[in-house]
C-alpha atoms as a PDB file:
ATOM      1  CA  MET A   1     114.355  77.952  91.040  1.00  0.00           C
ATOM      2  CA  LYS A   2     112.840  80.166  88.051  1.00  0.00           C
ATOM      3  CA  GLU A   3     108.982  78.998  89.312  1.00  0.00           C
ATOM      4  CA  TRP A   4     109.568  81.818  92.229  1.00  0.00           C
ATOM      5  CA  LEU A   5     110.792  84.726  89.255  1.00  0.00           C
ATOM      6  CA  PRO A   6     107.422  86.796  87.743  1.00  0.00           C
ATOM      7  CA  LEU A   7     106.315  85.427  84.580  1.00  0.00           C
ATOM      8  CA  TRP A   8     108.250  87.782  82.890  1.00  0.00           C
ATOM      9  CA  ALA A   9     111.166  87.146  84.305  1.00  0.00           C
ATOM     10  CA  GLN A  10     111.170  83.713  84.035  1.00  0.00           C
ATOM     11  CA  GLU A  11     111.297  83.962  79.986  1.00  0.00           C
ATOM     12  CA  TRP A  12     114.592  86.091  80.077  1.00  0.00           C
ATOM     13  CA  PHE A  13     115.477  83.366  82.709  1.00  0.00           C
ATOM     14  CA  GLY A  14     116.694  81.090  79.914  1.00  0.00           C
ATOM     15  CA  ILE A  15     118.590  83.721  77.798  1.00  0.00           C
ATOM     16  CA  LEU A  16     120.479  85.554  80.627  1.00  0.00           C
ATOM     17  CA  VAL A  17     121.699  83.295  82.627  1.00  0.00           C
ATOM     18  CA  PRO A  18     123.734  81.648  79.415  1.00  0.00           C
ATOM     19  CA  GLY A  19     124.259  85.195  78.978  1.00  0.00           C
ATOM     20  CA  LEU A  20     126.088  85.658  82.317  1.00  0.00           C
ATOM     21  CA  GLN A  21     128.189  82.333  82.134  1.00  0.00           C
ATOM     22  CA  ILE A  22     129.700  84.047  78.784  1.00  0.00           C
ATOM     23  CA  LEU A  23     130.273  87.169  80.356  1.00  0.00           C
ATOM     24  CA  LEU A  24     132.106  85.235  83.008  1.00  0.00           C
ATOM     25  CA  ILE A  25     133.973  82.850  81.480  1.00  0.00           C
ATOM     26  CA  LEU A  26     135.169  85.544  78.847  1.00  0.00           C
ATOM     27  CA  PHE A  27     136.084  87.817  81.653  1.00  0.00           C
ATOM     28  CA  LEU A  28     137.761  84.671  83.509  1.00  0.00           C
ATOM     29  CA  ALA A  29     139.796  84.406  80.184  1.00  0.00           C
ATOM     30  CA  TRP A  30     141.195  87.335  79.812  1.00  0.00           C
ATOM     31  CA  LEU A  31     142.237  87.428  84.173  1.00  0.00           C
ATOM     32  CA  VAL A  32     143.969  84.204  83.242  1.00  0.00           C
ATOM     33  CA  GLN A  33     145.928  85.711  80.290  1.00  0.00           C
ATOM     34  CA  ARG A  34     146.726  88.559  82.289  1.00  0.00           C
ATOM     35  CA  MET A  35     148.317  86.964  85.070  1.00  0.00           C
ATOM     36  CA  LEU A  36     149.773  84.489  82.929  1.00  0.00           C
ATOM     37  CA  ARG A  37     151.851  87.160  81.271  1.00  0.00           C
ATOM     38  CA  ARG A  38     152.844  88.628  84.279  1.00  0.00           C
ATOM     39  CA  PHE A  39     154.298  85.766  85.528  1.00  0.00           C
ATOM     40  CA  ILE A  40     156.124  84.891  82.526  1.00  0.00           C
ATOM     41  CA  TRP A  41     157.484  88.775  82.228  1.00  0.00           C
ATOM     42  CA  ARG A  42     158.792  87.838  85.914  1.00  0.00           C
ATOM     43  CA  ILE A  43     159.746  84.426  85.407  1.00  0.00           C
ATOM     44  CA  GLY A  44     161.863  86.146  82.218  1.00  0.00           C
ATOM     45  CA  GLU A  45     163.554  88.859  84.293  1.00  0.00           C
ATOM     46  CA  ARG A  46     164.637  86.597  87.531  1.00  0.00           C
ATOM     47  CA  TYR A  47     166.057  84.165  84.753  1.00  0.00           C
ATOM     48  CA  ARG A  48     167.099  86.670  82.535  1.00  0.00           C
ATOM     49  CA  LEU A  49     165.231  84.780  79.579  1.00  0.00           C
ATOM     50  CA  PRO A  50     166.227  86.820  76.266  1.00  0.00           C
ATOM     51  CA  MET A  51     162.637  88.194  74.535  1.00  0.00           C
ATOM     52  CA  GLU A  52     163.058  85.560  71.952  1.00  0.00           C
ATOM     53  CA  VAL A  53     161.612  82.837  73.994  1.00  0.00           C
ATOM     54  CA  LEU A  54     159.420  84.868  76.003  1.00  0.00           C
ATOM     55  CA  ILE A  55     157.256  86.686  73.145  1.00  0.00           C
ATOM     56  CA  PRO A  56     156.525  83.124  71.646  1.00  0.00           C
ATOM     57  CA  LEU A  57     155.868  81.514  74.534  1.00  0.00           C
ATOM     58  CA  ARG A  58     153.334  84.423  75.877  1.00  0.00           C
ATOM     59  CA  GLY A  59     151.716  84.650  72.404  1.00  0.00           C
ATOM     60  CA  VAL A  60     151.040  80.869  72.142  1.00  0.00           C
ATOM     61  CA  LEU A  61     149.736  80.853  76.236  1.00  0.00           C
ATOM     62  CA  THR A  62     147.202  83.575  74.608  1.00  0.00           C
ATOM     63  CA  TRP A  63     146.126  81.494  71.889  1.00  0.00           C
ATOM     64  CA  LEU A  64     145.634  78.587  74.000  1.00  0.00           C
ATOM     65  CA  ILE A  65     143.554  80.310  76.924  1.00  0.00           C
ATOM     66  CA  MET A  66     141.342  82.538  74.142  1.00  0.00           C
ATOM     67  CA  GLY A  67     140.788  79.330  72.265  1.00  0.00           C
ATOM     68  CA  SER A  68     139.539  77.357  74.911  1.00  0.00           C
ATOM     69  CA  ALA A  69     137.051  80.105  76.125  1.00  0.00           C
ATOM     70  CA  ILE A  70     135.595  80.095  72.514  1.00  0.00           C
ATOM     71  CA  LEU A  71     134.863  76.619  72.955  1.00  0.00           C
ATOM     72  CA  MET A  72     133.621  76.954  76.207  1.00  0.00           C
ATOM     73  CA  VAL A  73     131.507  80.101  74.443  1.00  0.00           C
ATOM     74  CA  LEU A  74     130.543  77.480  71.868  1.00  0.00           C
ATOM     75  CA  GLU A  75     129.342  74.534  73.976  1.00  0.00           C
ATOM     76  CA  ARG A  76     127.594  77.109  76.335  1.00  0.00           C
ATOM     77  CA  LEU A  77     125.788  78.556  73.181  1.00  0.00           C
ATOM     78  CA  GLY A  78     124.267  74.513  72.658  1.00  0.00           C
ATOM     79  CA  VAL A  79     127.405  73.608  70.081  1.00  0.00           C
ATOM     80  CA  SER A  80     128.468  69.633  71.262  1.00  0.00           C
ATOM     81  CA  ALA A  81     132.169  69.462  71.252  1.00  0.00           C
ATOM     82  CA  THR A  82     132.703  66.370  69.361  1.00  0.00           C
ATOM     83  CA  VAL A  83     131.179  68.487  66.698  1.00  0.00           C
ATOM     84  CA  LEU A  84     132.941  71.087  66.787  1.00  0.00           C
ATOM     85  CA  TRP A  85     136.308  69.210  67.621  1.00  0.00           C
ATOM     86  CA  THR A  86     135.047  66.937  63.827  1.00  0.00           C
ATOM     87  CA  ALA A  87     134.766  69.870  62.371  1.00  0.00           C
ATOM     88  CA  ILE A  88     138.805  71.499  63.359  1.00  0.00           C
ATOM     89  CA  THR A  89     139.834  68.082  63.021  1.00  0.00           C
ATOM     90  CA  GLY A  90     138.566  67.771  59.087  1.00  0.00           C
ATOM     91  CA  PHE A  91     139.108  71.386  58.162  1.00  0.00           C
ATOM     92  CA  ALA A  92     142.588  71.052  59.390  1.00  0.00           C
ATOM     93  CA  ALA A  93     143.245  67.800  57.814  1.00  0.00           C
ATOM     94  CA  VAL A  94     141.817  68.910  54.152  1.00  0.00           C
ATOM     95  CA  ALA A  95     143.573  72.035  54.494  1.00  0.00           C
ATOM     96  CA  ALA A  96     147.095  70.609  55.070  1.00  0.00           C
ATOM     97  CA  VAL A  97     146.361  67.747  52.162  1.00  0.00           C
ATOM     98  CA  ALA A  98     145.530  70.594  50.097  1.00  0.00           C
ATOM     99  CA  PHE A  99     148.754  72.316  51.350  1.00  0.00           C
ATOM    100  CA  PHE A 100     151.263  69.056  50.516  1.00  0.00           C
ATOM    101  CA  ALA A 101     149.098  68.684  46.955  1.00  0.00           C
ATOM    102  CA  ALA A 102     149.589  72.670  45.497  1.00  0.00           C
ATOM    103  CA  TRP A 103     153.156  72.772  47.462  1.00  0.00           C
ATOM    104  CA  SER A 104     155.662  72.068  44.235  1.00  0.00           C
ATOM    105  CA  VAL A 105     152.834  73.882  41.923  1.00  0.00           C
ATOM    106  CA  LEU A 106     153.313  77.230  44.064  1.00  0.00           C
ATOM    107  CA  SER A 107     156.835  76.718  44.467  1.00  0.00           C
ATOM    108  CA  ASN A 108     157.065  76.176  40.394  1.00  0.00           C
ATOM    109  CA  LEU A 109     154.951  79.190  40.412  1.00  0.00           C
ATOM    110  CA  PHE A 110     157.594  81.232  42.431  1.00  0.00           C
ATOM    111  CA  CYS A 111     160.675  80.428  41.023  1.00  0.00           C
ATOM    112  CA  ALA A 112     159.147  81.073  38.274  1.00  0.00           C
ATOM    113  CA  LEU A 113     158.469  84.706  38.913  1.00  0.00           C
ATOM    114  CA  LEU A 114     161.998  84.889  40.238  1.00  0.00           C
ATOM    115  CA  ILE A 115     163.551  83.651  37.092  1.00  0.00           C
ATOM    116  CA  PHE A 116     161.510  86.364  35.053  1.00  0.00           C
ATOM    117  CA  THR A 117     162.152  88.867  37.734  1.00  0.00           C
ATOM    118  CA  VAL A 118     166.084  88.112  38.505  1.00  0.00           C
ATOM    119  CA  GLY A 119     166.892  86.910  35.039  1.00  0.00           C
ATOM    120  CA  PRO A 120     170.013  83.730  36.648  1.00  0.00           C
ATOM    121  CA  PHE A 121     169.323  82.907  32.189  1.00  0.00           C
ATOM    122  CA  ARG A 122     167.384  83.625  29.048  1.00  0.00           C
ATOM    123  CA  LEU A 123     166.035  82.632  26.258  1.00  0.00           C
ATOM    124  CA  GLY A 124     169.003  81.178  24.092  1.00  0.00           C
ATOM    125  CA  ASP A 125     171.113  80.640  26.833  1.00  0.00           C
ATOM    126  CA  ARG A 126     172.962  76.963  27.295  1.00  0.00           C
ATOM    127  CA  LEU A 127     172.391  75.575  30.781  1.00  0.00           C
ATOM    128  CA  GLU A 128     173.871  72.358  32.642  1.00  0.00           C
ATOM    129  CA  LEU A 129     172.337  71.565  35.900  1.00  0.00           C
ATOM    130  CA  LEU A 130     174.755  69.474  37.589  1.00  0.00           C
ATOM    131  CA  ASP A 131     173.978  67.004  40.347  1.00  0.00           C
ATOM    132  CA  ALA A 132     177.420  67.594  42.037  1.00  0.00           C
ATOM    133  CA  ALA A 133     179.977  70.165  41.006  1.00  0.00           C
ATOM    134  CA  ASP A 134     181.998  66.947  39.459  1.00  0.00           C
ATOM    135  CA  LYS A 135     179.150  64.596  37.885  1.00  0.00           C
ATOM    136  CA  PRO A 136     177.794  66.185  34.433  1.00  0.00           C
ATOM    137  CA  GLY A 137     173.775  66.789  34.294  1.00  0.00           C
ATOM    138  CA  VAL A 138     171.619  68.080  32.122  1.00  0.00           C
ATOM    139  CA  LYS A 139     172.758  70.407  28.736  1.00  0.00           C
ATOM    140  CA  GLY A 140     170.808  72.331  26.524  1.00  0.00           C
ATOM    141  CA  ARG A 141     170.005  75.742  24.874  1.00  0.00           C
ATOM    142  CA  VAL A 142     166.756  77.512  26.945  1.00  0.00           C
ATOM    143  CA  VAL A 143     163.817  77.981  24.230  1.00  0.00           C
ATOM    144  CA  SER A 144     160.744  77.978  26.387  1.00  0.00           C
ATOM    145  CA  ILE A 145     160.440  79.653  29.844  1.00  0.00           C
ATOM    146  CA  ASN A 146     156.659  78.617  31.276  1.00  0.00           C
ATOM    147  CA  MET A 147     155.268  78.977  34.949  1.00  0.00           C
ATOM    148  CA  LEU A 148     155.924  75.607  35.932  1.00  0.00           C
ATOM    149  CA  TYR A 149     158.856  74.410  33.230  1.00  0.00           C
ATOM    150  CA  THR A 150     161.611  75.715  31.867  1.00  0.00           C
ATOM    151  CA  THR A 151     162.397  73.518  28.353  1.00  0.00           C
ATOM    152  CA  LEU A 152     165.743  72.883  26.841  1.00  0.00           C
ATOM    153  CA  GLU A 153     166.805  71.956  24.287  1.00  0.00           C
ATOM    154  CA  ASP A 154     169.051  68.957  25.163  1.00  0.00           C
ATOM    155  CA  LEU A 155     172.870  69.146  23.579  1.00  0.00           C
ATOM    156  CA  SER A 156     174.143  65.946  24.411  1.00  0.00           C
ATOM    157  CA  GLU A 157     174.712  63.594  21.292  1.00  0.00           C
ATOM    158  CA  GLU A 158     172.794  60.818  22.216  1.00  0.00           C
ATOM    159  CA  SER A 159     169.451  63.101  22.291  1.00  0.00           C
ATOM    160  CA  ASP A 160     169.211  64.244  18.868  1.00  0.00           C
ATOM    161  CA  GLY A 161     167.873  67.433  19.674  1.00  0.00           C
ATOM    162  CA  ALA A 162     165.058  66.621  22.377  1.00  0.00           C
ATOM    163  CA  LEU A 163     163.691  68.744  24.694  1.00  0.00           C
ATOM    164  CA  VAL A 164     164.375  67.862  28.481  1.00  0.00           C
ATOM    165  CA  GLN A 165     161.308  69.876  30.664  1.00  0.00           C
ATOM    166  CA  ILE A 166     162.729  70.993  34.009  1.00  0.00           C
ATOM    167  CA  PRO A 167     160.746  71.903  36.844  1.00  0.00           C
ATOM    168  CA  ASN A 168     161.625  75.836  37.609  1.00  0.00           C
ATOM    169  CA  THR A 169     162.732  74.652  41.544  1.00  0.00           C
ATOM    170  CA  LEU A 170     165.704  72.953  40.574  1.00  0.00           C
ATOM    171  CA  PHE A 171     167.111  76.067  39.258  1.00  0.00           C
ATOM    172  CA  PHE A 172     167.206  77.126  42.729  1.00  0.00           C
ATOM    173  CA  GLN A 173     168.094  73.655  44.354  1.00  0.00           C
ATOM    174  CA  LYS A 174     171.055  72.582  41.517  1.00  0.00           C
ATOM    175  CA  VAL A 175     174.342  74.221  40.438  1.00  0.00           C
ATOM    176  CA  MET A 176     174.301  75.708  37.442  1.00  0.00           C
ATOM    177  CA  ARG A 177     176.552  76.216  34.969  1.00  0.00           C
ATOM    178  CA  ARG A 178     175.492  79.118  31.988  1.00  0.00           C
ATOM    179  CA  TRP A 179     176.622  80.977  28.954  1.00  0.00           C
ATOM    180  CA  ARG A 180     174.727  83.955  27.737  1.00  0.00           C
ATOM    181  CA  GLY A 181     172.866  83.752  23.985  1.00  0.00           C
ATOM    182  CA  THR A 182     176.079  85.941  23.176  1.00  0.00           C
ATOM    183  CA  GLU A 183     178.727  85.048  24.609  1.00  0.00           C
ATOM    184  CA  LEU A 184     177.960  81.033  23.894  1.00  0.00           C
ATOM    185  CA  PRO A 185     181.741  78.842  22.793  1.00  0.00           C
ATOM    186  CA  PRO A 186     181.397  77.595  19.101  1.00  0.00           C
ATOM    187  CA  LEU A 187     179.047  74.802  18.768  1.00  0.00           C
ATOM    188  CA  SER A 188     181.215  71.586  18.324  1.00  0.00           C
ATOM    189  CA  LYS A 189     179.491  68.923  15.909  1.00  0.00           C
ATOM    190  CA  ASN A 190     177.644  67.003  18.460  1.00  0.00           C
ATOM    191  CA  GLU A 191     175.732  70.094  19.530  1.00  0.00           C
ATOM    192  CA  ILE A 192     174.679  70.577  15.636  1.00  0.00           C
END
């Protein structure tokens, strides 16, 4: 087809056609997005759907249309859909594993920040973490608070002053009894 074009135009033909196809893909994606937005808006008005339903639906459809358009543009630029899909799913899998691996560490760091700023307990306080309101739990005196663990000196009879490290997240997930360091009841023989 390009043989009938002049020599200078034949050189640009390989660039202009994909460029025009890319512009057409982007224009059609924009047009479809606008039409779907209006359609969703009319459906919402007709059936009196709440905005809490319409806005996320519109956002999801916008992302799907634009994502599809980007994939089509990349295909026109010579990127294999198989290679692209493999890269995206591989990245998603690695991100998911990294997120789950770091989740407990990040939650402990965030809870440590809350312990330092809100101050539900301090060094020297006596604490008891309860599994339930009627069951005894871990009991001890706070001797150290760091970014991952809070260390308690165990006050039970059989522990003989052992140290217990409790992840900071547990202080926000369980019921806690607290006696301030200055409000301590007298120590029993077992706690000395």
